[in-house]
Amino acid sequence: RIRPDIFLPDFIIPIYSPADLSASIKFPEFYRSALLYFVCGMAHM
């Protein structure tokens, strides 16, 4: 929603399940810490 350009060229959002723990995160490496903090924030809330 915030940065659609990250998902270019096809705008596909990867969806993970608990069975996908060994799956690579398809997201730019320098933004992955933001994903980590979001997950922690959601859990903390």
PDB file of all heavy atoms in Angstrom:
ATOM      1  N   ARG A   1       0.828  -1.208   0.000  1.00  0.00           N
ATOM      2  CA  ARG A   1       0.000   0.000   0.000  1.00  0.00           C
ATOM      3  C   ARG A   1       0.859   1.252   0.000  1.00  0.00           C
ATOM      4  O   ARG A   1       0.592   2.206  -0.737  1.00  0.00           O
ATOM      5  CB  ARG A   1      -0.911  -0.002   1.237  1.00  0.00           C
ATOM      6  CG  ARG A   1      -1.823   1.190   1.354  1.00  0.00           C
ATOM      7  CD  ARG A   1      -2.654   1.145   2.639  1.00  0.00           C
ATOM      8  NE  ARG A   1      -1.851   1.127   3.840  1.00  0.00           N
ATOM      9  CZ  ARG A   1      -1.333   2.217   4.419  1.00  0.00           C
ATOM     10  NH1 ARG A   1      -1.513   3.402   3.886  1.00  0.00           N
ATOM     11  NH2 ARG A   1      -0.628   2.128   5.522  1.00  0.00           N
ATOM     12  N   ILE A   2       1.912   1.243   0.801  1.00  0.00           N
ATOM     13  CA  ILE A   2       2.744   2.432   0.962  1.00  0.00           C
ATOM     14  C   ILE A   2       3.776   2.582  -0.161  1.00  0.00           C
ATOM     15  O   ILE A   2       4.007   3.667  -0.666  1.00  0.00           O
ATOM     16  CB  ILE A   2       3.453   2.400   2.333  1.00  0.00           C
ATOM     17  CG1 ILE A   2       2.419   2.470   3.448  1.00  0.00           C
ATOM     18  CG2 ILE A   2       4.459   3.537   2.474  1.00  0.00           C
ATOM     19  CD1 ILE A   2       2.972   2.176   4.822  1.00  0.00           C
ATOM     20  N   ARG A   3       4.415   1.473  -0.537  1.00  0.00           N
ATOM     21  CA  ARG A   3       5.474   1.504  -1.544  1.00  0.00           C
ATOM     22  C   ARG A   3       5.227   0.451  -2.618  1.00  0.00           C
ATOM     23  O   ARG A   3       5.904  -0.567  -2.669  1.00  0.00           O
ATOM     24  CB  ARG A   3       6.833   1.235  -0.892  1.00  0.00           C
ATOM     25  CG  ARG A   3       7.392   2.309  -0.001  1.00  0.00           C
ATOM     26  CD  ARG A   3       7.935   3.495  -0.772  1.00  0.00           C
ATOM     27  NE  ARG A   3       8.855   3.150  -1.831  1.00  0.00           N
ATOM     28  CZ  ARG A   3      10.168   3.053  -1.693  1.00  0.00           C
ATOM     29  NH1 ARG A   3      10.734   3.261  -0.543  1.00  0.00           N
ATOM     30  NH2 ARG A   3      10.922   2.743  -2.733  1.00  0.00           N
ATOM     31  N   PRO A   4       4.264   0.654  -3.493  1.00  0.00           N
ATOM     32  CA  PRO A   4       3.985  -0.343  -4.527  1.00  0.00           C
ATOM     33  C   PRO A   4       5.159  -0.583  -5.470  1.00  0.00           C
ATOM     34  O   PRO A   4       5.279  -1.662  -6.046  1.00  0.00           O
ATOM     35  CB  PRO A   4       2.780   0.231  -5.273  1.00  0.00           C
ATOM     36  CG  PRO A   4       2.750   1.669  -4.940  1.00  0.00           C
ATOM     37  CD  PRO A   4       3.393   1.819  -3.599  1.00  0.00           C
ATOM     38  N   ASP A   5       6.053   0.394  -5.589  1.00  0.00           N
ATOM     39  CA  ASP A   5       7.200   0.237  -6.484  1.00  0.00           C
ATOM     40  C   ASP A   5       8.134  -0.888  -6.044  1.00  0.00           C
ATOM     41  O   ASP A   5       8.860  -1.451  -6.861  1.00  0.00           O
ATOM     42  CB  ASP A   5       7.974   1.549  -6.589  1.00  0.00           C
ATOM     43  CG  ASP A   5       8.468   2.036  -5.240  1.00  0.00           C
ATOM     44  OD1 ASP A   5       7.631   2.215  -4.334  1.00  0.00           O
ATOM     45  OD2 ASP A   5       9.690   2.242  -5.100  1.00  0.00           O
ATOM     46  N   ILE A   6       8.109  -1.244  -4.769  1.00  0.00           N
ATOM     47  CA  ILE A   6       8.948  -2.341  -4.283  1.00  0.00           C
ATOM     48  C   ILE A   6       8.545  -3.661  -4.942  1.00  0.00           C
ATOM     49  O   ILE A   6       9.369  -4.552  -5.114  1.00  0.00           O
ATOM     50  CB  ILE A   6       8.858  -2.450  -2.743  1.00  0.00           C
ATOM     51  CG1 ILE A   6       9.549  -1.248  -2.097  1.00  0.00           C
ATOM     52  CG2 ILE A   6       9.472  -3.742  -2.233  1.00  0.00           C
ATOM     53  CD1 ILE A   6       9.419  -1.197  -0.602  1.00  0.00           C
ATOM     54  N   PHE A   7       7.296  -3.780  -5.315  1.00  0.00           N
ATOM     55  CA  PHE A   7       6.769  -5.037  -5.848  1.00  0.00           C
ATOM     56  C   PHE A   7       6.744  -5.068  -7.385  1.00  0.00           C
ATOM     57  O   PHE A   7       6.106  -5.936  -7.972  1.00  0.00           O
ATOM     58  CB  PHE A   7       5.371  -5.296  -5.279  1.00  0.00           C
ATOM     59  CG  PHE A   7       5.379  -5.437  -3.787  1.00  0.00           C
ATOM     60  CD1 PHE A   7       5.147  -4.349  -2.972  1.00  0.00           C
ATOM     61  CD2 PHE A   7       5.656  -6.650  -3.195  1.00  0.00           C
ATOM     62  CE1 PHE A   7       5.171  -4.469  -1.593  1.00  0.00           C
ATOM     63  CE2 PHE A   7       5.687  -6.777  -1.824  1.00  0.00           C
ATOM     64  CZ  PHE A   7       5.443  -5.688  -1.018  1.00  0.00           C
ATOM     65  N   LEU A   8       7.429  -4.107  -8.006  1.00  0.00           N
ATOM     66  CA  LEU A   8       7.511  -4.116  -9.471  1.00  0.00           C
ATOM     67  C   LEU A   8       8.317  -5.308  -9.939  1.00  0.00           C
ATOM     68  O   LEU A   8       9.178  -5.788  -9.218  1.00  0.00           O
ATOM     69  CB  LEU A   8       8.159  -2.819  -9.962  1.00  0.00           C
ATOM     70  CG  LEU A   8       7.296  -1.565  -9.878  1.00  0.00           C
ATOM     71  CD1 LEU A   8       8.111  -0.343 -10.249  1.00  0.00           C
ATOM     72  CD2 LEU A   8       6.098  -1.678 -10.785  1.00  0.00           C
ATOM     73  N   PRO A   9       8.109  -5.850 -11.103  1.00  0.00           N
ATOM     74  CA  PRO A   9       7.260  -5.361 -12.174  1.00  0.00           C
ATOM     75  C   PRO A   9       5.846  -5.927 -12.150  1.00  0.00           C
ATOM     76  O   PRO A   9       4.978  -5.438 -12.848  1.00  0.00           O
ATOM     77  CB  PRO A   9       7.997  -5.841 -13.422  1.00  0.00           C
ATOM     78  CG  PRO A   9       8.614  -7.131 -13.015  1.00  0.00           C
ATOM     79  CD  PRO A   9       8.979  -6.939 -11.558  1.00  0.00           C
ATOM     80  N   ASP A  10       5.572  -6.945 -11.341  1.00  0.00           N
ATOM     81  CA  ASP A  10       4.260  -7.599 -11.456  1.00  0.00           C
ATOM     82  C   ASP A  10       3.318  -7.325 -10.285  1.00  0.00           C
ATOM     83  O   ASP A  10       2.182  -7.772 -10.295  1.00  0.00           O
ATOM     84  CB  ASP A  10       4.432  -9.114 -11.628  1.00  0.00           C
ATOM     85  CG  ASP A  10       5.347  -9.705 -10.574  1.00  0.00           C
ATOM     86  OD1 ASP A  10       5.680  -9.007  -9.599  1.00  0.00           O
ATOM     87  OD2 ASP A  10       5.741 -10.863 -10.740  1.00  0.00           O
ATOM     88  N   PHE A  11       3.764  -6.597  -9.263  1.00  0.00           N
ATOM     89  CA  PHE A  11       2.943  -6.220  -8.115  1.00  0.00           C
ATOM     90  C   PHE A  11       2.399  -7.408  -7.326  1.00  0.00           C
ATOM     91  O   PHE A  11       1.372  -7.304  -6.672  1.00  0.00           O
ATOM     92  CB  PHE A  11       1.779  -5.304  -8.525  1.00  0.00           C
ATOM     93  CG  PHE A  11       2.217  -3.957  -8.968  1.00  0.00           C
ATOM     94  CD1 PHE A  11       2.178  -3.619 -10.302  1.00  0.00           C
ATOM     95  CD2 PHE A  11       2.681  -3.026  -8.063  1.00  0.00           C
ATOM     96  CE1 PHE A  11       2.592  -2.368 -10.727  1.00  0.00           C
ATOM     97  CE2 PHE A  11       3.092  -1.775  -8.480  1.00  0.00           C
ATOM     98  CZ  PHE A  11       3.054  -1.436  -9.814  1.00  0.00           C
ATOM     99  N   ILE A  12       3.064  -8.545  -7.379  1.00  0.00           N
ATOM    100  CA  ILE A  12       2.612  -9.724  -6.638  1.00  0.00           C
ATOM    101  C   ILE A  12       3.136  -9.664  -5.214  1.00  0.00           C
ATOM    102  O   ILE A  12       4.335  -9.495  -4.988  1.00  0.00           O
ATOM    103  CB  ILE A  12       3.068 -11.021  -7.328  1.00  0.00           C
ATOM    104  CG1 ILE A  12       2.386 -11.145  -8.686  1.00  0.00           C
ATOM    105  CG2 ILE A  12       2.784 -12.237  -6.458  1.00  0.00           C
ATOM    106  CD1 ILE A  12       2.845 -12.327  -9.500  1.00  0.00           C
ATOM    107  N   ILE A  13       2.226  -9.807  -4.257  1.00  0.00           N
ATOM    108  CA  ILE A  13       2.590  -9.822  -2.847  1.00  0.00           C
ATOM    109  C   ILE A  13       2.757 -11.274  -2.422  1.00  0.00           C
ATOM    110  O   ILE A  13       1.812 -12.061  -2.531  1.00  0.00           O
ATOM    111  CB  ILE A  13       1.504  -9.165  -1.972  1.00  0.00           C
ATOM    112  CG1 ILE A  13       1.253  -7.734  -2.429  1.00  0.00           C
ATOM    113  CG2 ILE A  13       1.898  -9.206  -0.503  1.00  0.00           C
ATOM    114  CD1 ILE A  13       0.055  -7.103  -1.775  1.00  0.00           C
ATOM    115  N   PRO A  14       3.927 -11.665  -1.926  1.00  0.00           N
ATOM    116  CA  PRO A  14       4.066 -13.045  -1.455  1.00  0.00           C
ATOM    117  C   PRO A  14       3.241 -13.262  -0.196  1.00  0.00           C
ATOM    118  O   PRO A  14       3.175 -12.392   0.673  1.00  0.00           O
ATOM    119  CB  PRO A  14       5.569 -13.166  -1.170  1.00  0.00           C
ATOM    120  CG  PRO A  14       6.052 -11.780  -0.984  1.00  0.00           C
ATOM    121  CD  PRO A  14       5.149 -10.899  -1.775  1.00  0.00           C
ATOM    122  N   ILE A  15       2.582 -14.397  -0.118  1.00  0.00           N
ATOM    123  CA  ILE A  15       1.798 -14.775   1.054  1.00  0.00           C
ATOM    124  C   ILE A  15       2.429 -16.032   1.629  1.00  0.00           C
ATOM    125  O   ILE A  15       2.612 -17.027   0.930  1.00  0.00           O
ATOM    126  CB  ILE A  15       0.321 -15.047   0.690  1.00  0.00           C
ATOM    127  CG1 ILE A  15      -0.308 -13.824   0.016  1.00  0.00           C
ATOM    128  CG2 ILE A  15      -0.472 -15.472   1.913  1.00  0.00           C
ATOM    129  CD1 ILE A  15      -0.420 -12.605   0.911  1.00  0.00           C
ATOM    130  N   TYR A  16       2.763 -15.981   2.911  1.00  0.00           N
ATOM    131  CA  TYR A  16       3.426 -17.099   3.563  1.00  0.00           C
ATOM    132  C   TYR A  16       2.475 -17.783   4.536  1.00  0.00           C
ATOM    133  O   TYR A  16       1.571 -17.161   5.085  1.00  0.00           O
ATOM    134  CB  TYR A  16       4.666 -16.610   4.316  1.00  0.00           C
ATOM    135  CG  TYR A  16       5.674 -15.932   3.423  1.00  0.00           C
ATOM    136  CD1 TYR A  16       5.791 -14.551   3.387  1.00  0.00           C
ATOM    137  CD2 TYR A  16       6.492 -16.673   2.583  1.00  0.00           C
ATOM    138  CE1 TYR A  16       6.710 -13.930   2.562  1.00  0.00           C
ATOM    139  CE2 TYR A  16       7.405 -16.063   1.746  1.00  0.00           C
ATOM    140  CZ  TYR A  16       7.512 -14.693   1.740  1.00  0.00           C
ATOM    141  OH  TYR A  16       8.411 -14.080   0.914  1.00  0.00           O
ATOM    142  N   SER A  17       2.707 -19.072   4.752  1.00  0.00           N
ATOM    143  CA  SER A  17       1.960 -19.838   5.739  1.00  0.00           C
ATOM    144  C   SER A  17       2.962 -20.392   6.749  1.00  0.00           C
ATOM    145  O   SER A  17       4.173 -20.377   6.486  1.00  0.00           O
ATOM    146  CB  SER A  17       1.185 -20.975   5.062  1.00  0.00           C
ATOM    147  OG  SER A  17       2.074 -21.992   4.655  1.00  0.00           O
ATOM    148  N   PRO A  18       2.499 -20.904   7.877  1.00  0.00           N
ATOM    149  CA  PRO A  18       3.431 -21.487   8.840  1.00  0.00           C
ATOM    150  C   PRO A  18       4.237 -22.650   8.257  1.00  0.00           C
ATOM    151  O   PRO A  18       5.318 -22.964   8.755  1.00  0.00           O
ATOM    152  CB  PRO A  18       2.528 -21.957   9.978  1.00  0.00           C
ATOM    153  CG  PRO A  18       1.352 -21.049   9.907  1.00  0.00           C
ATOM    154  CD  PRO A  18       1.148 -20.791   8.437  1.00  0.00           C
ATOM    155  N   ALA A  19       3.762 -23.251   7.192  1.00  0.00           N
ATOM    156  CA  ALA A  19       4.505 -24.333   6.536  1.00  0.00           C
ATOM    157  C   ALA A  19       5.649 -23.798   5.676  1.00  0.00           C
ATOM    158  O   ALA A  19       6.504 -24.567   5.245  1.00  0.00           O
ATOM    159  CB  ALA A  19       3.562 -25.162   5.677  1.00  0.00           C
ATOM    160  N   ASP A  20       5.681 -22.496   5.446  1.00  0.00           N
ATOM    161  CA  ASP A  20       6.688 -21.879   4.581  1.00  0.00           C
ATOM    162  C   ASP A  20       7.859 -21.273   5.356  1.00  0.00           C
ATOM    163  O   ASP A  20       8.471 -20.319   4.908  1.00  0.00           O
ATOM    164  CB  ASP A  20       6.047 -20.760   3.746  1.00  0.00           C
ATOM    165  CG  ASP A  20       4.994 -21.259   2.798  1.00  0.00           C
ATOM    166  OD1 ASP A  20       5.101 -22.414   2.356  1.00  0.00           O
ATOM    167  OD2 ASP A  20       4.065 -20.488   2.504  1.00  0.00           O
ATOM    168  N   LEU A  21       8.191 -21.819   6.508  1.00  0.00           N
ATOM    169  CA  LEU A  21       9.229 -21.221   7.337  1.00  0.00           C
ATOM    170  C   LEU A  21      10.590 -21.196   6.649  1.00  0.00           C
ATOM    171  O   LEU A  21      11.402 -20.314   6.907  1.00  0.00           O
ATOM    172  CB  LEU A  21       9.324 -21.933   8.683  1.00  0.00           C
ATOM    173  CG  LEU A  21       8.116 -21.766   9.602  1.00  0.00           C
ATOM    174  CD1 LEU A  21       8.333 -22.523  10.898  1.00  0.00           C
ATOM    175  CD2 LEU A  21       7.834 -20.303   9.883  1.00  0.00           C
ATOM    176  N   SER A  22      10.850 -22.136   5.761  1.00  0.00           N
ATOM    177  CA  SER A  22      12.145 -22.162   5.076  1.00  0.00           C
ATOM    178  C   SER A  22      12.144 -21.325   3.795  1.00  0.00           C
ATOM    179  O   SER A  22      13.167 -21.225   3.126  1.00  0.00           O
ATOM    180  CB  SER A  22      12.546 -23.602   4.759  1.00  0.00           C
ATOM    181  OG  SER A  22      11.605 -24.183   3.886  1.00  0.00           O
ATOM    182  N   ALA A  23      11.013 -20.697   3.481  1.00  0.00           N
ATOM    183  CA  ALA A  23      10.905 -19.893   2.261  1.00  0.00           C
ATOM    184  C   ALA A  23      11.697 -18.598   2.393  1.00  0.00           C
ATOM    185  O   ALA A  23      11.745 -17.984   3.462  1.00  0.00           O
ATOM    186  CB  ALA A  23       9.444 -19.571   1.967  1.00  0.00           C
ATOM    187  N   SER A  24      12.317 -18.191   1.315  1.00  0.00           N
ATOM    188  CA  SER A  24      13.024 -16.914   1.278  1.00  0.00           C
ATOM    189  C   SER A  24      12.025 -15.770   1.280  1.00  0.00           C
ATOM    190  O   SER A  24      10.978 -15.852   0.637  1.00  0.00           O
ATOM    191  CB  SER A  24      13.880 -16.821   0.020  1.00  0.00           C
ATOM    192  OG  SER A  24      14.892 -17.779   0.044  1.00  0.00           O
ATOM    193  N   ILE A  25      12.370 -14.711   1.984  1.00  0.00           N
ATOM    194  CA  ILE A  25      11.516 -13.524   1.992  1.00  0.00           C
ATOM    195  C   ILE A  25      11.813 -12.727   0.734  1.00  0.00           C
ATOM    196  O   ILE A  25      12.940 -12.284   0.522  1.00  0.00           O
ATOM    197  CB  ILE A  25      11.757 -12.680   3.255  1.00  0.00           C
ATOM    198  CG1 ILE A  25      11.362 -13.481   4.495  1.00  0.00           C
ATOM    199  CG2 ILE A  25      10.972 -11.379   3.181  1.00  0.00           C
ATOM    200  CD1 ILE A  25      11.629 -12.774   5.798  1.00  0.00           C
ATOM    201  N   LYS A  26      10.811 -12.574  -0.091  1.00  0.00           N
ATOM    202  CA  LYS A  26      10.966 -11.852  -1.349  1.00  0.00           C
ATOM    203  C   LYS A  26      10.623 -10.384  -1.115  1.00  0.00           C
ATOM    204  O   LYS A  26       9.495  -9.938  -1.342  1.00  0.00           O
ATOM    205  CB  LYS A  26      10.075 -12.474  -2.412  1.00  0.00           C
ATOM    206  CG  LYS A  26      10.509 -13.893  -2.744  1.00  0.00           C
ATOM    207  CD  LYS A  26       9.655 -14.537  -3.776  1.00  0.00           C
ATOM    208  CE  LYS A  26      10.079 -15.921  -4.146  1.00  0.00           C
ATOM    209  NZ  LYS A  26      10.657 -16.749  -3.137  1.00  0.00           N
ATOM    210  N   PHE A  27      11.622  -9.680  -0.614  1.00  0.00           N
ATOM    211  CA  PHE A  27      11.462  -8.280  -0.235  1.00  0.00           C
ATOM    212  C   PHE A  27      12.863  -7.692  -0.190  1.00  0.00           C
ATOM    213  O   PHE A  27      13.811  -8.376   0.206  1.00  0.00           O
ATOM    214  CB  PHE A  27      10.798  -8.215   1.155  1.00  0.00           C
ATOM    215  CG  PHE A  27      10.146  -6.905   1.481  1.00  0.00           C
ATOM    216  CD1 PHE A  27       8.964  -6.539   0.876  1.00  0.00           C
ATOM    217  CD2 PHE A  27      10.709  -6.061   2.414  1.00  0.00           C
ATOM    218  CE1 PHE A  27       8.347  -5.338   1.182  1.00  0.00           C
ATOM    219  CE2 PHE A  27      10.104  -4.855   2.732  1.00  0.00           C
ATOM    220  CZ  PHE A  27       8.920  -4.498   2.114  1.00  0.00           C
ATOM    221  N   PRO A  28      13.050  -6.433  -0.589  1.00  0.00           N
ATOM    222  CA  PRO A  28      14.396  -5.862  -0.570  1.00  0.00           C
ATOM    223  C   PRO A  28      15.052  -5.994   0.810  1.00  0.00           C
ATOM    224  O   PRO A  28      14.427  -5.725   1.839  1.00  0.00           O
ATOM    225  CB  PRO A  28      14.168  -4.394  -0.929  1.00  0.00           C
ATOM    226  CG  PRO A  28      12.897  -4.395  -1.704  1.00  0.00           C
ATOM    227  CD  PRO A  28      12.063  -5.486  -1.107  1.00  0.00           C
ATOM    228  N   GLU A  29      16.295  -6.408   0.803  1.00  0.00           N
ATOM    229  CA  GLU A  29      17.004  -6.712   2.048  1.00  0.00           C
ATOM    230  C   GLU A  29      17.049  -5.531   3.019  1.00  0.00           C
ATOM    231  O   GLU A  29      16.877  -5.702   4.221  1.00  0.00           O
ATOM    232  CB  GLU A  29      18.425  -7.162   1.717  1.00  0.00           C
ATOM    233  CG  GLU A  29      19.214  -7.610   2.908  1.00  0.00           C
ATOM    234  CD  GLU A  29      20.574  -8.139   2.529  1.00  0.00           C
ATOM    235  OE1 GLU A  29      20.835  -8.372   1.336  1.00  0.00           O
ATOM    236  OE2 GLU A  29      21.387  -8.301   3.453  1.00  0.00           O
ATOM    237  N   PHE A  30      17.248  -4.332   2.509  1.00  0.00           N
ATOM    238  CA  PHE A  30      17.389  -3.176   3.402  1.00  0.00           C
ATOM    239  C   PHE A  30      16.063  -2.706   3.987  1.00  0.00           C
ATOM    240  O   PHE A  30      16.052  -1.819   4.837  1.00  0.00           O
ATOM    241  CB  PHE A  30      18.135  -2.021   2.728  1.00  0.00           C
ATOM    242  CG  PHE A  30      17.670  -1.714   1.341  1.00  0.00           C
ATOM    243  CD1 PHE A  30      16.650  -0.820   1.112  1.00  0.00           C
ATOM    244  CD2 PHE A  30      18.277  -2.322   0.266  1.00  0.00           C
ATOM    245  CE1 PHE A  30      16.238  -0.524  -0.170  1.00  0.00           C
ATOM    246  CE2 PHE A  30      17.858  -2.048  -1.034  1.00  0.00           C
ATOM    247  CZ  PHE A  30      16.846  -1.147  -1.240  1.00  0.00           C
ATOM    248  N   TYR A  31      14.937  -3.293   3.585  1.00  0.00           N
ATOM    249  CA  TYR A  31      13.639  -2.983   4.182  1.00  0.00           C
ATOM    250  C   TYR A  31      13.133  -4.103   5.088  1.00  0.00           C
ATOM    251  O   TYR A  31      12.072  -3.983   5.696  1.00  0.00           O
ATOM    252  CB  TYR A  31      12.580  -2.725   3.106  1.00  0.00           C
ATOM    253  CG  TYR A  31      12.763  -1.449   2.335  1.00  0.00           C
ATOM    254  CD1 TYR A  31      12.754  -1.452   0.950  1.00  0.00           C
ATOM    255  CD2 TYR A  31      12.934  -0.228   2.978  1.00  0.00           C
ATOM    256  CE1 TYR A  31      12.919  -0.285   0.226  1.00  0.00           C
ATOM    257  CE2 TYR A  31      13.104   0.941   2.256  1.00  0.00           C
ATOM    258  CZ  TYR A  31      13.088   0.906   0.884  1.00  0.00           C
ATOM    259  OH  TYR A  31      13.252   2.060   0.175  1.00  0.00           O
ATOM    260  N   ARG A  32      13.846  -5.195   5.173  1.00  0.00           N
ATOM    261  CA  ARG A  32      13.362  -6.337   5.955  1.00  0.00           C
ATOM    262  C   ARG A  32      13.278  -6.045   7.441  1.00  0.00           C
ATOM    263  O   ARG A  32      12.445  -6.611   8.135  1.00  0.00           O
ATOM    264  CB  ARG A  32      14.232  -7.560   5.694  1.00  0.00           C
ATOM    265  CG  ARG A  32      14.040  -8.104   4.303  1.00  0.00           C
ATOM    266  CD  ARG A  32      14.843  -9.333   4.063  1.00  0.00           C
ATOM    267  NE  ARG A  32      14.816  -9.669   2.638  1.00  0.00           N
ATOM    268  CZ  ARG A  32      15.688 -10.428   2.051  1.00  0.00           C
ATOM    269  NH1 ARG A  32      16.675 -10.979   2.755  1.00  0.00           N
ATOM    270  NH2 ARG A  32      15.603 -10.676   0.764  1.00  0.00           N
ATOM    271  N   SER A  33      14.119  -5.156   7.948  1.00  0.00           N
ATOM    272  CA  SER A  33      14.028  -4.818   9.370  1.00  0.00           C
ATOM    273  C   SER A  33      12.689  -4.144   9.674  1.00  0.00           C
ATOM    274  O   SER A  33      12.130  -4.321  10.758  1.00  0.00           O
ATOM    275  CB  SER A  33      15.186  -3.933   9.805  1.00  0.00           C
ATOM    276  OG  SER A  33      15.192  -2.732   9.076  1.00  0.00           O
ATOM    277  N   ALA A  34      12.133  -3.404   8.707  1.00  0.00           N
ATOM    278  CA  ALA A  34      10.817  -2.792   8.901  1.00  0.00           C
ATOM    279  C   ALA A  34       9.745  -3.875   9.038  1.00  0.00           C
ATOM    280  O   ALA A  34       8.819  -3.743   9.842  1.00  0.00           O
ATOM    281  CB  ALA A  34      10.483  -1.865   7.746  1.00  0.00           C
ATOM    282  N   LEU A  35       9.892  -4.964   8.269  1.00  0.00           N
ATOM    283  CA  LEU A  35       8.959  -6.092   8.425  1.00  0.00           C
ATOM    284  C   LEU A  35       9.067  -6.681   9.822  1.00  0.00           C
ATOM    285  O   LEU A  35       8.063  -6.994  10.458  1.00  0.00           O
ATOM    286  CB  LEU A  35       9.245  -7.176   7.381  1.00  0.00           C
ATOM    287  CG  LEU A  35       9.025  -6.842   5.913  1.00  0.00           C
ATOM    288  CD1 LEU A  35       9.415  -8.029   5.046  1.00  0.00           C
ATOM    289  CD2 LEU A  35       7.598  -6.430   5.651  1.00  0.00           C
ATOM    290  N   LEU A  36      10.298  -6.835  10.299  1.00  0.00           N
ATOM    291  CA  LEU A  36      10.527  -7.385  11.637  1.00  0.00           C
ATOM    292  C   LEU A  36       9.868  -6.522  12.701  1.00  0.00           C
ATOM    293  O   LEU A  36       9.166  -7.026  13.574  1.00  0.00           O
ATOM    294  CB  LEU A  36      12.030  -7.506  11.889  1.00  0.00           C
ATOM    295  CG  LEU A  36      12.454  -7.894  13.304  1.00  0.00           C
ATOM    296  CD1 LEU A  36      11.959  -9.292  13.648  1.00  0.00           C
ATOM    297  CD2 LEU A  36      13.963  -7.806  13.432  1.00  0.00           C
ATOM    298  N   TYR A  37      10.065  -5.225  12.625  1.00  0.00           N
ATOM    299  CA  TYR A  37       9.481  -4.328  13.627  1.00  0.00           C
ATOM    300  C   TYR A  37       7.958  -4.306  13.544  1.00  0.00           C
ATOM    301  O   TYR A  37       7.279  -4.185  14.556  1.00  0.00           O
ATOM    302  CB  TYR A  37      10.053  -2.917  13.473  1.00  0.00           C
ATOM    303  CG  TYR A  37      11.550  -2.864  13.693  1.00  0.00           C
ATOM    304  CD1 TYR A  37      12.348  -2.019  12.941  1.00  0.00           C
ATOM    305  CD2 TYR A  37      12.182  -3.676  14.633  1.00  0.00           C
ATOM    306  CE1 TYR A  37      13.719  -1.970  13.129  1.00  0.00           C
ATOM    307  CE2 TYR A  37      13.543  -3.640  14.818  1.00  0.00           C
ATOM    308  CZ  TYR A  37      14.311  -2.790  14.069  1.00  0.00           C
ATOM    309  OH  TYR A  37      15.657  -2.746  14.253  1.00  0.00           O
ATOM    310  N   PHE A  38       7.408  -4.427  12.347  1.00  0.00           N
ATOM    311  CA  PHE A  38       5.957  -4.493  12.182  1.00  0.00           C
ATOM    312  C   PHE A  38       5.412  -5.739  12.861  1.00  0.00           C
ATOM    313  O   PHE A  38       4.419  -5.680  13.586  1.00  0.00           O
ATOM    314  CB  PHE A  38       5.598  -4.489  10.693  1.00  0.00           C
ATOM    315  CG  PHE A  38       4.132  -4.321  10.416  1.00  0.00           C
ATOM    316  CD1 PHE A  38       3.632  -3.101  10.004  1.00  0.00           C
ATOM    317  CD2 PHE A  38       3.248  -5.383  10.538  1.00  0.00           C
ATOM    318  CE1 PHE A  38       2.275  -2.940   9.730  1.00  0.00           C
ATOM    319  CE2 PHE A  38       1.904  -5.234  10.270  1.00  0.00           C
ATOM    320  CZ  PHE A  38       1.411  -4.006   9.877  1.00  0.00           C
ATOM    321  N   VAL A  39       6.066  -6.886  12.631  1.00  0.00           N
ATOM    322  CA  VAL A  39       5.625  -8.149  13.247  1.00  0.00           C
ATOM    323  C   VAL A  39       5.671  -8.029  14.769  1.00  0.00           C
ATOM    324  O   VAL A  39       4.725  -8.429  15.460  1.00  0.00           O
ATOM    325  CB  VAL A  39       6.488  -9.332  12.745  1.00  0.00           C
ATOM    326  CG1 VAL A  39       6.245 -10.582  13.567  1.00  0.00           C
ATOM    327  CG2 VAL A  39       6.215  -9.602  11.275  1.00  0.00           C
ATOM    328  N   CYS A  40       6.743  -7.465  15.306  1.00  0.00           N
ATOM    329  CA  CYS A  40       6.856  -7.291  16.761  1.00  0.00           C
ATOM    330  C   CYS A  40       5.771  -6.350  17.285  1.00  0.00           C
ATOM    331  O   CYS A  40       5.179  -6.607  18.339  1.00  0.00           O
ATOM    332  CB  CYS A  40       8.229  -6.759  17.128  1.00  0.00           C
ATOM    333  SG  CYS A  40       9.559  -7.935  16.870  1.00  0.00           S
ATOM    334  N   GLY A  41       5.522  -5.281  16.561  1.00  0.00           N
ATOM    335  CA  GLY A  41       4.489  -4.336  16.974  1.00  0.00           C
ATOM    336  C   GLY A  41       3.110  -4.965  16.987  1.00  0.00           C
ATOM    337  O   GLY A  41       2.329  -4.738  17.914  1.00  0.00           O
ATOM    338  N   MET A  42       2.807  -5.749  15.953  1.00  0.00           N
ATOM    339  CA  MET A  42       1.501  -6.434  15.910  1.00  0.00           C
ATOM    340  C   MET A  42       1.360  -7.398  17.093  1.00  0.00           C
ATOM    341  O   MET A  42       0.305  -7.468  17.718  1.00  0.00           O
ATOM    342  CB  MET A  42       1.332  -7.194  14.595  1.00  0.00           C
ATOM    343  CG  MET A  42       1.143  -6.323  13.389  1.00  0.00           C
ATOM    344  SD  MET A  42      -0.493  -5.582  13.300  1.00  0.00           S
ATOM    345  CE  MET A  42      -1.485  -7.015  12.971  1.00  0.00           C
ATOM    346  N   ALA A  43       2.415  -8.147  17.382  1.00  0.00           N
ATOM    347  CA  ALA A  43       2.370  -9.095  18.501  1.00  0.00           C
ATOM    348  C   ALA A  43       2.227  -8.348  19.816  1.00  0.00           C
ATOM    349  O   ALA A  43       1.435  -8.747  20.681  1.00  0.00           O
ATOM    350  CB  ALA A  43       3.624  -9.958  18.503  1.00  0.00           C
ATOM    351  N   HIS A  44       2.960  -7.285  19.962  1.00  0.00           N
ATOM    352  CA  HIS A  44       2.922  -6.514  21.210  1.00  0.00           C
ATOM    353  C   HIS A  44       1.551  -5.873  21.427  1.00  0.00           C
ATOM    354  O   HIS A  44       1.067  -5.806  22.556  1.00  0.00           O
ATOM    355  CB  HIS A  44       4.012  -5.450  21.191  1.00  0.00           C
ATOM    356  CG  HIS A  44       4.184  -4.746  22.494  1.00  0.00           C
ATOM    357  ND1 HIS A  44       4.710  -5.340  23.606  1.00  0.00           N
ATOM    358  CD2 HIS A  44       3.878  -3.483  22.862  1.00  0.00           C
ATOM    359  CE1 HIS A  44       4.731  -4.490  24.600  1.00  0.00           C
ATOM    360  NE2 HIS A  44       4.234  -3.344  24.173  1.00  0.00           N
ATOM    361  N   MET A  45       0.928  -5.409  20.362  1.00  0.00           N
ATOM    362  CA  MET A  45      -0.396  -4.793  20.489  1.00  0.00           C
ATOM    363  C   MET A  45      -1.441  -5.785  20.962  1.00  0.00           C
ATOM    364  O   MET A  45      -2.382  -5.412  21.657  1.00  0.00           O
ATOM    365  CB  MET A  45      -0.831  -4.187  19.146  1.00  0.00           C
ATOM    366  CG  MET A  45      -0.152  -2.890  18.849  1.00  0.00           C
ATOM    367  SD  MET A  45      -0.523  -2.205  17.224  1.00  0.00           S
ATOM    368  CE  MET A  45      -2.224  -2.559  16.971  1.00  0.00           C
TER     369      MET A  45
END
